[in-house]
C-alpha atoms as a PDB file:
ATOM      1  CA  MET A   1       0.029   0.157  -0.074  1.00  0.00           C
ATOM      2  CA  THR A   2       1.319   3.287  -0.936  1.00  0.00           C
ATOM      3  CA  GLN A   3       1.647   6.152   1.445  1.00  0.00           C
ATOM      4  CA  GLN A   4      -1.419   8.049  -0.439  1.00  0.00           C
ATOM      5  CA  GLN A   5      -3.524   5.179  -0.195  1.00  0.00           C
ATOM      6  CA  ASP A   6      -2.975   4.592   3.514  1.00  0.00           C
ATOM      7  CA  GLN A   7      -3.742   8.595   3.800  1.00  0.00           C
ATOM      8  CA  ASN A   8      -6.897   8.216   1.969  1.00  0.00           C
ATOM      9  CA  ILE A   9      -8.143   5.183   4.230  1.00  0.00           C
ATOM     10  CA  LYS A  10      -7.156   7.295   7.377  1.00  0.00           C
ATOM     11  CA  SER A  11      -9.040   9.996   6.629  1.00  0.00           C
ATOM     12  CA  ARG A  12     -12.370   8.771   5.078  1.00  0.00           C
ATOM     13  CA  PRO A  13     -15.391  10.147   7.088  1.00  0.00           C
ATOM     14  CA  MET A  14     -18.471   8.407   8.302  1.00  0.00           C
ATOM     15  CA  THR A  15     -20.805   9.310   5.857  1.00  0.00           C
ATOM     16  CA  GLY A  16     -23.396   6.375   5.680  1.00  0.00           C
ATOM     17  CA  PRO A  17     -26.522   5.941   7.657  1.00  0.00           C
ATOM     18  CA  LEU A  18     -27.076   3.105   9.975  1.00  0.00           C
ATOM     19  CA  GLU A  19     -28.473   0.444   8.210  1.00  0.00           C
ATOM     20  CA  GLY A  20     -30.288  -2.347   9.518  1.00  0.00           C
ATOM     21  CA  ILE A  21     -30.292  -1.477  13.197  1.00  0.00           C
ATOM     22  CA  PRO A  22     -33.414   0.630  14.214  1.00  0.00           C
ATOM     23  CA  LEU A  23     -33.129   3.336  16.030  1.00  0.00           C
ATOM     24  CA  PRO A  24     -34.174   3.482  19.566  1.00  0.00           C
ATOM     25  CA  ASP A  25     -37.349   5.638  20.833  1.00  0.00           C
ATOM     26  CA  LEU A  26     -35.764   8.543  22.282  1.00  0.00           C
ATOM     27  CA  ASP A  27     -38.474   9.065  24.656  1.00  0.00           C
ATOM     28  CA  ARG A  28     -37.233   6.245  26.553  1.00  0.00           C
ATOM     29  CA  LEU A  29     -33.648   6.761  26.630  1.00  0.00           C
ATOM     30  CA  PRO A  30     -31.714   7.668  29.798  1.00  0.00           C
ATOM     31  CA  ASP A  31     -30.703  11.277  29.454  1.00  0.00           C
ATOM     32  CA  TYR A  32     -26.816  10.606  29.563  1.00  0.00           C
ATOM     33  CA  GLU A  33     -27.544   8.352  26.096  1.00  0.00           C
ATOM     34  CA  ARG A  34     -29.999  10.828  24.357  1.00  0.00           C
ATOM     35  CA  GLY A  35     -27.479  13.160  22.706  1.00  0.00           C
ATOM     36  CA  PHE A  36     -25.847  10.309  20.697  1.00  0.00           C
ATOM     37  CA  TRP A  37     -29.057   8.825  19.491  1.00  0.00           C
ATOM     38  CA  GLU A  38     -30.427  12.362  18.380  1.00  0.00           C
ATOM     39  CA  GLY A  39     -27.334  13.080  16.447  1.00  0.00           C
ATOM     40  CA  SER A  40     -27.902   9.753  14.585  1.00  0.00           C
ATOM     41  CA  HIS A  41     -31.365  10.634  13.721  1.00  0.00           C
ATOM     42  CA  ASN A  42     -29.791  13.625  12.236  1.00  0.00           C
ATOM     43  CA  ARG A  43     -27.056  11.814  10.622  1.00  0.00           C
ATOM     44  CA  GLU A  44     -24.452  13.606  12.986  1.00  0.00           C
ATOM     45  CA  LEU A  45     -21.796  11.625  15.182  1.00  0.00           C
ATOM     46  CA  ARG A  46     -22.055  13.315  18.562  1.00  0.00           C
ATOM     47  CA  ILE A  47     -19.452  12.077  21.333  1.00  0.00           C
ATOM     48  CA  GLN A  48     -20.094  12.788  24.993  1.00  0.00           C
ATOM     49  CA  LYS A  49     -17.481  15.333  26.475  1.00  0.00           C
ATOM     50  CA  CYS A  50     -16.811  15.871  30.278  1.00  0.00           C
ATOM     51  CA  SER A  51     -17.266  19.542  31.052  1.00  0.00           C
ATOM     52  CA  GLY A  52     -14.752  18.878  34.048  1.00  0.00           C
ATOM     53  CA  CYS A  53     -11.757  17.571  32.098  1.00  0.00           C
ATOM     54  CA  ASN A  54     -12.557  17.733  28.384  1.00  0.00           C
ATOM     55  CA  THR A  55     -12.086  14.005  28.027  1.00  0.00           C
ATOM     56  CA  PHE A  56     -14.219  12.402  25.395  1.00  0.00           C
ATOM     57  CA  ARG A  57     -15.965   9.143  26.194  1.00  0.00           C
ATOM     58  CA  HIS A  58     -17.937   6.515  24.188  1.00  0.00           C
ATOM     59  CA  LEU A  59     -19.971   4.660  25.249  1.00  0.00           C
ATOM     60  CA  PRO A  60     -22.051   7.431  27.060  1.00  0.00           C
ATOM     61  CA  THR A  61     -21.993   7.419  30.839  1.00  0.00           C
ATOM     62  CA  PRO A  62     -23.555   9.486  33.638  1.00  0.00           C
ATOM     63  CA  MET A  63     -20.305  10.018  35.164  1.00  0.00           C
ATOM     64  CA  CYS A  64     -16.739  10.759  33.740  1.00  0.00           C
ATOM     65  CA  PRO A  65     -14.435   7.646  34.483  1.00  0.00           C
ATOM     66  CA  SER A  66     -11.418  10.305  34.702  1.00  0.00           C
ATOM     67  CA  CYS A  67     -12.474  12.878  36.861  1.00  0.00           C
ATOM     68  CA  HIS A  68     -15.765  11.621  38.060  1.00  0.00           C
ATOM     69  CA  SER A  69     -17.873  14.710  37.025  1.00  0.00           C
ATOM     70  CA  LEU A  70     -21.418  14.177  36.278  1.00  0.00           C
ATOM     71  CA  GLU A  71     -21.516  17.614  33.865  1.00  0.00           C
ATOM     72  CA  TYR A  72     -20.902  16.632  30.186  1.00  0.00           C
ATOM     73  CA  LYS A  73     -21.807  18.225  26.851  1.00  0.00           C
ATOM     74  CA  TRP A  74     -22.149  16.765  23.368  1.00  0.00           C
ATOM     75  CA  SER A  75     -19.776  17.685  20.593  1.00  0.00           C
ATOM     76  CA  LYS A  76     -20.601  17.043  16.901  1.00  0.00           C
ATOM     77  CA  VAL A  77     -17.554  15.138  15.476  1.00  0.00           C
ATOM     78  CA  SER A  78     -16.437  14.645  12.166  1.00  0.00           C
ATOM     79  CA  GLY A  79     -16.244  10.944  12.301  1.00  0.00           C
ATOM     80  CA  ARG A  80     -12.725  10.885  10.836  1.00  0.00           C
ATOM     81  CA  GLY A  81     -10.114   8.869  12.636  1.00  0.00           C
ATOM     82  CA  VAL A  82      -7.829   5.852  12.557  1.00  0.00           C
ATOM     83  CA  VAL A  83      -9.030   2.260  12.702  1.00  0.00           C
ATOM     84  CA  TYR A  84      -6.531   0.286  14.513  1.00  0.00           C
ATOM     85  CA  SER A  85      -8.511  -3.039  14.231  1.00  0.00           C
ATOM     86  CA  PHE A  86     -11.968  -4.313  13.535  1.00  0.00           C
ATOM     87  CA  VAL A  87     -14.077  -7.556  13.368  1.00  0.00           C
ATOM     88  CA  VAL A  88     -17.134  -8.542  11.738  1.00  0.00           C
ATOM     89  CA  VAL A  89     -19.433 -10.526  13.834  1.00  0.00           C
ATOM     90  CA  ARG A  90     -21.493 -13.010  12.066  1.00  0.00           C
ATOM     91  CA  ASN A  91     -22.457 -15.623  14.539  1.00  0.00           C
ATOM     92  CA  PRO A  92     -23.671 -13.803  17.921  1.00  0.00           C
ATOM     93  CA  VAL A  93     -23.075 -15.381  21.252  1.00  0.00           C
ATOM     94  CA  HIS A  94     -25.557 -13.506  23.177  1.00  0.00           C
ATOM     95  CA  PRO A  95     -29.003 -14.913  22.862  1.00  0.00           C
ATOM     96  CA  ALA A  96     -30.739 -11.369  22.857  1.00  0.00           C
ATOM     97  CA  ILE A  97     -28.636 -10.512  19.477  1.00  0.00           C
ATOM     98  CA  ARG A  98     -29.191 -13.987  18.201  1.00  0.00           C
ATOM     99  CA  GLU A  99     -32.930 -13.748  18.617  1.00  0.00           C
ATOM    100  CA  ARG A 100     -33.294 -10.423  16.847  1.00  0.00           C
ATOM    101  CA  GLU A 101     -31.070 -11.317  14.130  1.00  0.00           C
ATOM    102  CA  GLN A 102     -28.949  -8.607  14.114  1.00  0.00           C
ATOM    103  CA  VAL A 103     -26.016  -9.732  12.240  1.00  0.00           C
ATOM    104  CA  PRO A 104     -23.729  -9.166  10.777  1.00  0.00           C
ATOM    105  CA  TYR A 105     -22.189  -6.134  12.605  1.00  0.00           C
ATOM    106  CA  ASN A 106     -19.039  -4.406  12.906  1.00  0.00           C
ATOM    107  CA  ILE A 107     -16.703  -3.604  16.081  1.00  0.00           C
ATOM    108  CA  SER A 108     -13.963  -1.196  15.238  1.00  0.00           C
ATOM    109  CA  LEU A 109     -11.107   0.121  17.640  1.00  0.00           C
END
């Protein structure tokens, strides 16, 4: 792979919609998750950011694991980044996923 090809892969934004996974009902979500899913409904990637120490965190949580602050804001991010590793799950182990037939799905780091 050339350096230019490598750079193109690293800077490709997330542009496609979530397909095959129904978005949850916003009224039934806890407050600390709602911003992420509101962004998804609007085709935006929003990540929770601690107001105390400015640490980004995902999955959303009610308390910052770094400084224990309960204050946060939602930051719209570009979706650009580096994927260090990924796996496509085709045979789910957990019964809840197997029953809902939500495969295949991707886990990226």
